[in-house]
PDB file of all heavy atoms in Angstrom:
ATOM      1  N   ILE A   1      15.240  -8.649  -1.149  1.00  0.00           N
ATOM      2  CA  ILE A   1      14.312  -8.239  -0.077  1.00  0.00           C
ATOM      3  C   ILE A   1      12.962  -7.962  -0.672  1.00  0.00           C
ATOM      4  O   ILE A   1      12.852  -7.160  -1.561  1.00  0.00           O
ATOM      5  CB  ILE A   1      14.849  -7.051   0.749  1.00  0.00           C
ATOM      6  CG1 ILE A   1      16.264  -7.309   1.268  1.00  0.00           C
ATOM      7  CG2 ILE A   1      13.895  -6.635   1.835  1.00  0.00           C
ATOM      8  CD1 ILE A   1      16.910  -6.099   1.829  1.00  0.00           C
ATOM      9  N   PRO A   2      11.844  -8.530  -0.098  1.00  0.00           N
ATOM     10  CA  PRO A   2      10.541  -8.251  -0.572  1.00  0.00           C
ATOM     11  C   PRO A   2      10.279  -6.763  -0.345  1.00  0.00           C
ATOM     12  O   PRO A   2      10.647  -6.158   0.669  1.00  0.00           O
ATOM     13  CB  PRO A   2       9.638  -9.135   0.287  1.00  0.00           C
ATOM     14  CG  PRO A   2      10.513 -10.263   0.792  1.00  0.00           C
ATOM     15  CD  PRO A   2      11.892  -9.554   0.939  1.00  0.00           C
ATOM     16  N   SER A   3       9.535  -6.087  -1.279  1.00  0.00           N
ATOM     17  CA  SER A   3       9.247  -4.714  -1.168  1.00  0.00           C
ATOM     18  C   SER A   3       8.495  -4.322   0.007  1.00  0.00           C
ATOM     19  O   SER A   3       8.635  -3.254   0.620  1.00  0.00           O
ATOM     20  CB  SER A   3       8.428  -4.233  -2.453  1.00  0.00           C
ATOM     21  OG  SER A   3       7.341  -4.982  -2.580  1.00  0.00           O
ATOM     22  N   GLU A   4       7.662  -5.300   0.545  1.00  0.00           N
ATOM     23  CA  GLU A   4       6.787  -4.976   1.745  1.00  0.00           C
ATOM     24  C   GLU A   4       7.689  -4.917   2.998  1.00  0.00           C
ATOM     25  O   GLU A   4       7.264  -4.503   4.054  1.00  0.00           O
ATOM     26  CB  GLU A   4       5.688  -6.044   1.933  1.00  0.00           C
ATOM     27  CG  GLU A   4       6.169  -7.418   2.094  1.00  0.00           C
ATOM     28  CD  GLU A   4       6.296  -8.182   0.742  1.00  0.00           C
ATOM     29  OE1 GLU A   4       6.291  -7.513  -0.317  1.00  0.00           O
ATOM     30  OE2 GLU A   4       6.293  -9.436   0.820  1.00  0.00           O
ATOM     31  N   ASP A   5       8.926  -5.374   2.875  1.00  0.00           N
ATOM     32  CA  ASP A   5       9.816  -5.422   4.110  1.00  0.00           C
ATOM     33  C   ASP A   5      10.822  -4.179   4.039  1.00  0.00           C
ATOM     34  O   ASP A   5      11.635  -4.029   4.999  1.00  0.00           O
ATOM     35  CB  ASP A   5      10.715  -6.641   4.037  1.00  0.00           C
ATOM     36  CG  ASP A   5       9.878  -7.903   4.426  1.00  0.00           C
ATOM     37  OD1 ASP A   5       8.823  -7.736   5.011  1.00  0.00           O
ATOM     38  OD2 ASP A   5      10.280  -9.048   4.093  1.00  0.00           O
ATOM     39  N   PHE A   6      10.703  -3.320   3.020  1.00  0.00           N
ATOM     40  CA  PHE A   6      11.687  -2.188   2.969  1.00  0.00           C
ATOM     41  C   PHE A   6      11.579  -1.338   4.162  1.00  0.00           C
ATOM     42  O   PHE A   6      12.622  -0.802   4.656  1.00  0.00           O
ATOM     43  CB  PHE A   6      11.339  -1.394   1.636  1.00  0.00           C
ATOM     44  CG  PHE A   6      11.909  -1.980   0.425  1.00  0.00           C
ATOM     45  CD1 PHE A   6      12.347  -3.265   0.420  1.00  0.00           C
ATOM     46  CD2 PHE A   6      11.893  -1.271  -0.788  1.00  0.00           C
ATOM     47  CE1 PHE A   6      12.893  -3.847  -0.811  1.00  0.00           C
ATOM     48  CE2 PHE A   6      12.386  -1.827  -1.937  1.00  0.00           C
ATOM     49  CZ  PHE A   6      12.884  -3.100  -1.912  1.00  0.00           C
ATOM     50  N   ASP A   7      10.389  -1.025   4.740  1.00  0.00           N
ATOM     51  CA  ASP A   7      10.220  -0.139   5.846  1.00  0.00           C
ATOM     52  C   ASP A   7      10.777  -0.691   7.164  1.00  0.00           C
ATOM     53  O   ASP A   7      11.018   0.051   8.097  1.00  0.00           O
ATOM     54  CB  ASP A   7       8.805   0.327   5.966  1.00  0.00           C
ATOM     55  CG  ASP A   7       8.262   1.130   4.813  1.00  0.00           C
ATOM     56  OD1 ASP A   7       9.140   1.765   4.170  1.00  0.00           O
ATOM     57  OD2 ASP A   7       7.022   1.182   4.618  1.00  0.00           O
ATOM     58  N   ARG A   8      10.923  -2.038   7.214  1.00  0.00           N
ATOM     59  CA  ARG A   8      11.308  -2.685   8.461  1.00  0.00           C
ATOM     60  C   ARG A   8      12.689  -3.201   8.441  1.00  0.00           C
ATOM     61  O   ARG A   8      13.133  -3.671   9.523  1.00  0.00           O
ATOM     62  CB  ARG A   8      10.337  -3.815   8.715  1.00  0.00           C
ATOM     63  CG  ARG A   8       8.873  -3.430   8.771  1.00  0.00           C
ATOM     64  CD  ARG A   8       7.986  -4.607   9.322  1.00  0.00           C
ATOM     65  NE  ARG A   8       8.487  -5.025  10.692  1.00  0.00           N
ATOM     66  CZ  ARG A   8       8.109  -6.061  11.212  1.00  0.00           C
ATOM     67  NH1 ARG A   8       7.281  -6.982  10.538  1.00  0.00           N
ATOM     68  NH2 ARG A   8       8.506  -6.388  12.399  1.00  0.00           N
ATOM     69  N   ILE A   9      13.400  -3.065   7.314  1.00  0.00           N
ATOM     70  CA  ILE A   9      14.705  -3.718   7.227  1.00  0.00           C
ATOM     71  C   ILE A   9      15.735  -3.190   8.182  1.00  0.00           C
ATOM     72  O   ILE A   9      16.685  -3.893   8.611  1.00  0.00           O
ATOM     73  CB  ILE A   9      15.207  -3.529   5.728  1.00  0.00           C
ATOM     74  CG1 ILE A   9      16.406  -4.550   5.510  1.00  0.00           C
ATOM     75  CG2 ILE A   9      15.673  -2.154   5.470  1.00  0.00           C
ATOM     76  CD1 ILE A   9      15.926  -5.966   5.488  1.00  0.00           C
ATOM     77  N   PHE A  10      15.532  -1.897   8.676  1.00  0.00           N
ATOM     78  CA  PHE A  10      16.514  -1.317   9.569  1.00  0.00           C
ATOM     79  C   PHE A  10      16.007  -1.441  11.015  1.00  0.00           C
ATOM     80  O   PHE A  10      16.618  -0.867  11.929  1.00  0.00           O
ATOM     81  CB  PHE A  10      16.760   0.144   9.222  1.00  0.00           C
ATOM     82  CG  PHE A  10      17.455   0.372   7.918  1.00  0.00           C
ATOM     83  CD1 PHE A  10      16.704   0.756   6.792  1.00  0.00           C
ATOM     84  CD2 PHE A  10      18.772   0.063   7.804  1.00  0.00           C
ATOM     85  CE1 PHE A  10      17.320   0.880   5.528  1.00  0.00           C
ATOM     86  CE2 PHE A  10      19.415   0.289   6.557  1.00  0.00           C
ATOM     87  CZ  PHE A  10      18.657   0.617   5.422  1.00  0.00           C
ATOM     88  N   GLU A  11      14.896  -2.147  11.313  1.00  0.00           N
ATOM     89  CA  GLU A  11      14.434  -2.365  12.680  1.00  0.00           C
ATOM     90  C   GLU A  11      15.404  -3.404  13.346  1.00  0.00           C
ATOM     91  O   GLU A  11      15.988  -4.236  12.766  1.00  0.00           O
ATOM     92  CB  GLU A  11      13.014  -2.955  12.611  1.00  0.00           C
ATOM     93  CG  GLU A  11      12.006  -1.915  12.216  1.00  0.00           C
ATOM     94  CD  GLU A  11      10.581  -2.517  12.305  1.00  0.00           C
ATOM     95  OE1 GLU A  11      10.464  -3.674  12.776  1.00  0.00           O
ATOM     96  OE2 GLU A  11       9.649  -1.873  11.806  1.00  0.00           O
ATOM     97  N   ARG A  12      15.385  -3.309  14.670  1.00  0.00           N
ATOM     98  CA  ARG A  12      16.260  -4.103  15.436  1.00  0.00           C
ATOM     99  C   ARG A  12      15.721  -5.581  15.464  1.00  0.00           C
ATOM    100  O   ARG A  12      14.523  -5.730  15.719  1.00  0.00           O
ATOM    101  CB  ARG A  12      16.406  -3.577  16.888  1.00  0.00           C
ATOM    102  CG  ARG A  12      17.019  -2.200  16.875  1.00  0.00           C
ATOM    103  CD  ARG A  12      16.989  -1.553  18.178  1.00  0.00           C
ATOM    104  NE  ARG A  12      17.404  -0.193  18.097  1.00  0.00           N
ATOM    105  CZ  ARG A  12      17.663   0.645  19.057  1.00  0.00           C
ATOM    106  NH1 ARG A  12      17.451   0.217  20.269  1.00  0.00           N
ATOM    107  NH2 ARG A  12      18.083   1.912  18.837  1.00  0.00           N
ATOM    108  N   PHE A  13      16.618  -6.498  15.276  1.00  0.00           N
ATOM    109  CA  PHE A  13      16.267  -7.927  15.309  1.00  0.00           C
ATOM    110  C   PHE A  13      15.393  -8.385  14.123  1.00  0.00           C
ATOM    111  O   PHE A  13      14.902  -9.550  14.137  1.00  0.00           O
ATOM    112  CB  PHE A  13      15.588  -8.349  16.600  1.00  0.00           C
ATOM    113  CG  PHE A  13      16.508  -8.141  17.890  1.00  0.00           C
ATOM    114  CD1 PHE A  13      16.222  -7.200  18.732  1.00  0.00           C
ATOM    115  CD2 PHE A  13      17.597  -8.929  18.043  1.00  0.00           C
ATOM    116  CE1 PHE A  13      17.040  -6.968  19.866  1.00  0.00           C
ATOM    117  CE2 PHE A  13      18.414  -8.727  19.190  1.00  0.00           C
ATOM    118  CZ  PHE A  13      18.173  -7.747  20.068  1.00  0.00           C
ATOM    119  N   TYR A  14      15.198  -7.501  13.114  1.00  0.00           N
ATOM    120  CA  TYR A  14      14.355  -7.876  11.980  1.00  0.00           C
ATOM    121  C   TYR A  14      15.288  -8.564  10.997  1.00  0.00           C
ATOM    122  O   TYR A  14      16.339  -8.130  10.643  1.00  0.00           O
ATOM    123  CB  TYR A  14      13.734  -6.674  11.348  1.00  0.00           C
ATOM    124  CG  TYR A  14      12.765  -7.122  10.184  1.00  0.00           C
ATOM    125  CD1 TYR A  14      11.516  -7.614  10.577  1.00  0.00           C
ATOM    126  CD2 TYR A  14      13.148  -7.002   8.871  1.00  0.00           C
ATOM    127  CE1 TYR A  14      10.630  -7.967   9.532  1.00  0.00           C
ATOM    128  CE2 TYR A  14      12.276  -7.438   7.894  1.00  0.00           C
ATOM    129  CZ  TYR A  14      11.044  -7.939   8.262  1.00  0.00           C
ATOM    130  OH  TYR A  14      10.165  -8.314   7.271  1.00  0.00           O
ATOM    131  N   ARG A  15      14.746  -9.756  10.546  1.00  0.00           N
ATOM    132  CA  ARG A  15      15.481 -10.525   9.513  1.00  0.00           C
ATOM    133  C   ARG A  15      14.575 -10.844   8.410  1.00  0.00           C
ATOM    134  O   ARG A  15      13.401 -11.257   8.625  1.00  0.00           O
ATOM    135  CB  ARG A  15      16.000 -11.856  10.144  1.00  0.00           C
ATOM    136  CG  ARG A  15      16.965 -11.692  11.300  1.00  0.00           C
ATOM    137  CD  ARG A  15      17.404 -13.037  11.794  1.00  0.00           C
ATOM    138  NE  ARG A  15      18.354 -12.927  12.931  1.00  0.00           N
ATOM    139  CZ  ARG A  15      18.036 -12.977  14.171  1.00  0.00           C
ATOM    140  NH1 ARG A  15      16.724 -13.060  14.477  1.00  0.00           N
ATOM    141  NH2 ARG A  15      18.938 -12.935  15.147  1.00  0.00           N
ATOM    142  N   VAL A  16      15.068 -10.765   7.217  1.00  0.00           N
ATOM    143  CA  VAL A  16      14.322 -11.179   6.019  1.00  0.00           C
ATOM    144  C   VAL A  16      14.176 -12.655   6.019  1.00  0.00           C
ATOM    145  O   VAL A  16      13.090 -13.287   5.799  1.00  0.00           O
ATOM    146  CB  VAL A  16      15.011 -10.627   4.704  1.00  0.00           C
ATOM    147  CG1 VAL A  16      14.177 -11.128   3.472  1.00  0.00           C
ATOM    148  CG2 VAL A  16      14.967  -9.101   4.773  1.00  0.00           C
ATOM    149  N   ASP A  17      15.308 -13.375   6.167  1.00  0.00           N
ATOM    150  CA  ASP A  17      15.363 -14.793   6.111  1.00  0.00           C
ATOM    151  C   ASP A  17      15.921 -15.278   7.532  1.00  0.00           C
ATOM    152  O   ASP A  17      17.147 -15.315   7.670  1.00  0.00           O
ATOM    153  CB  ASP A  17      16.262 -15.329   4.991  1.00  0.00           C
ATOM    154  CG  ASP A  17      16.182 -16.873   4.827  1.00  0.00           C
ATOM    155  OD1 ASP A  17      15.816 -17.558   5.827  1.00  0.00           O
ATOM    156  OD2 ASP A  17      16.484 -17.333   3.710  1.00  0.00           O
ATOM    157  N   LYS A  18      15.015 -15.602   8.385  1.00  0.00           N
ATOM    158  CA  LYS A  18      15.437 -15.830   9.812  1.00  0.00           C
ATOM    159  C   LYS A  18      16.328 -17.061   9.935  1.00  0.00           C
ATOM    160  O   LYS A  18      17.282 -17.167  10.638  1.00  0.00           O
ATOM    161  CB  LYS A  18      14.137 -16.008  10.696  1.00  0.00           C
ATOM    162  CG  LYS A  18      13.404 -14.643  10.783  1.00  0.00           C
ATOM    163  CD  LYS A  18      12.220 -14.793  11.736  1.00  0.00           C
ATOM    164  CE  LYS A  18      11.436 -13.475  11.874  1.00  0.00           C
ATOM    165  NZ  LYS A  18      10.362 -13.572  12.784  1.00  0.00           N
ATOM    166  N   SER A  19      15.872 -18.092   9.166  1.00  0.00           N
ATOM    167  CA  SER A  19      16.638 -19.362   9.239  1.00  0.00           C
ATOM    168  C   SER A  19      18.079 -19.204   8.759  1.00  0.00           C
ATOM    169  O   SER A  19      19.029 -19.686   9.385  1.00  0.00           O
ATOM    170  CB  SER A  19      15.889 -20.474   8.442  1.00  0.00           C
ATOM    171  OG  SER A  19      15.801 -20.062   7.147  1.00  0.00           O
ATOM    172  N   ARG A  20      18.259 -18.438   7.612  1.00  0.00           N
ATOM    173  CA  ARG A  20      19.578 -18.281   7.109  1.00  0.00           C
ATOM    174  C   ARG A  20      20.342 -17.352   8.047  1.00  0.00           C
ATOM    175  O   ARG A  20      21.612 -17.630   8.216  1.00  0.00           O
ATOM    176  CB  ARG A  20      19.505 -17.625   5.710  1.00  0.00           C
ATOM    177  CG  ARG A  20      20.844 -17.374   5.135  1.00  0.00           C
ATOM    178  CD  ARG A  20      20.743 -16.700   3.711  1.00  0.00           C
ATOM    179  NE  ARG A  20      20.267 -17.611   2.741  1.00  0.00           N
ATOM    180  CZ  ARG A  20      20.747 -17.721   1.525  1.00  0.00           C
ATOM    181  NH1 ARG A  20      21.740 -16.982   1.135  1.00  0.00           N
ATOM    182  NH2 ARG A  20      20.151 -18.529   0.674  1.00  0.00           N
ATOM    183  N   SER A  21      19.784 -16.322   8.579  1.00  0.00           N
ATOM    184  CA  SER A  21      20.465 -15.396   9.476  1.00  0.00           C
ATOM    185  C   SER A  21      21.059 -16.104  10.619  1.00  0.00           C
ATOM    186  O   SER A  21      22.213 -15.928  11.035  1.00  0.00           O
ATOM    187  CB  SER A  21      19.561 -14.267   9.903  1.00  0.00           C
ATOM    188  OG  SER A  21      20.261 -13.413  10.751  1.00  0.00           O
ATOM    189  N   LYS A  22      20.210 -16.967  11.306  1.00  0.00           N
ATOM    190  CA  LYS A  22      20.697 -17.595  12.501  1.00  0.00           C
ATOM    191  C   LYS A  22      21.760 -18.677  12.120  1.00  0.00           C
ATOM    192  O   LYS A  22      22.725 -18.893  12.874  1.00  0.00           O
ATOM    193  CB  LYS A  22      19.510 -18.243  13.205  1.00  0.00           C
ATOM    194  CG  LYS A  22      18.552 -17.238  13.838  1.00  0.00           C
ATOM    195  CD  LYS A  22      17.452 -17.908  14.639  1.00  0.00           C
ATOM    196  CE  LYS A  22      16.576 -16.875  15.286  1.00  0.00           C
ATOM    197  NZ  LYS A  22      15.493 -17.477  16.091  1.00  0.00           N
ATOM    198  N   ALA A  23      21.540 -19.279  11.022  1.00  0.00           N
ATOM    199  CA  ALA A  23      22.507 -20.383  10.615  1.00  0.00           C
ATOM    200  C   ALA A  23      23.845 -19.820  10.347  1.00  0.00           C
ATOM    201  O   ALA A  23      24.906 -20.432  10.540  1.00  0.00           O
ATOM    202  CB  ALA A  23      21.963 -21.087   9.423  1.00  0.00           C
ATOM    203  N   THR A  24      23.900 -18.568   9.821  1.00  0.00           N
ATOM    204  CA  THR A  24      25.156 -17.925   9.486  1.00  0.00           C
ATOM    205  C   THR A  24      25.700 -16.957  10.548  1.00  0.00           C
ATOM    206  O   THR A  24      26.657 -16.251  10.330  1.00  0.00           O
ATOM    207  CB  THR A  24      25.059 -17.143   8.169  1.00  0.00           C
ATOM    208  OG1 THR A  24      23.968 -16.222   8.316  1.00  0.00           O
ATOM    209  CG2 THR A  24      24.748 -18.088   7.013  1.00  0.00           C
ATOM    210  N   GLY A  25      25.041 -16.964  11.743  1.00  0.00           N
ATOM    211  CA  GLY A  25      25.520 -16.214  12.862  1.00  0.00           C
ATOM    212  C   GLY A  25      25.008 -14.699  12.871  1.00  0.00           C
ATOM    213  O   GLY A  25      25.587 -13.931  13.577  1.00  0.00           O
TER     214      GLY A  25
END
């Protein structure tokens, strides 16, 4: 996870890799 995303990782609907997340359900 990129360090700039640490504060948002627990937000709702937030994804680090959106394409991978949707592809894997």
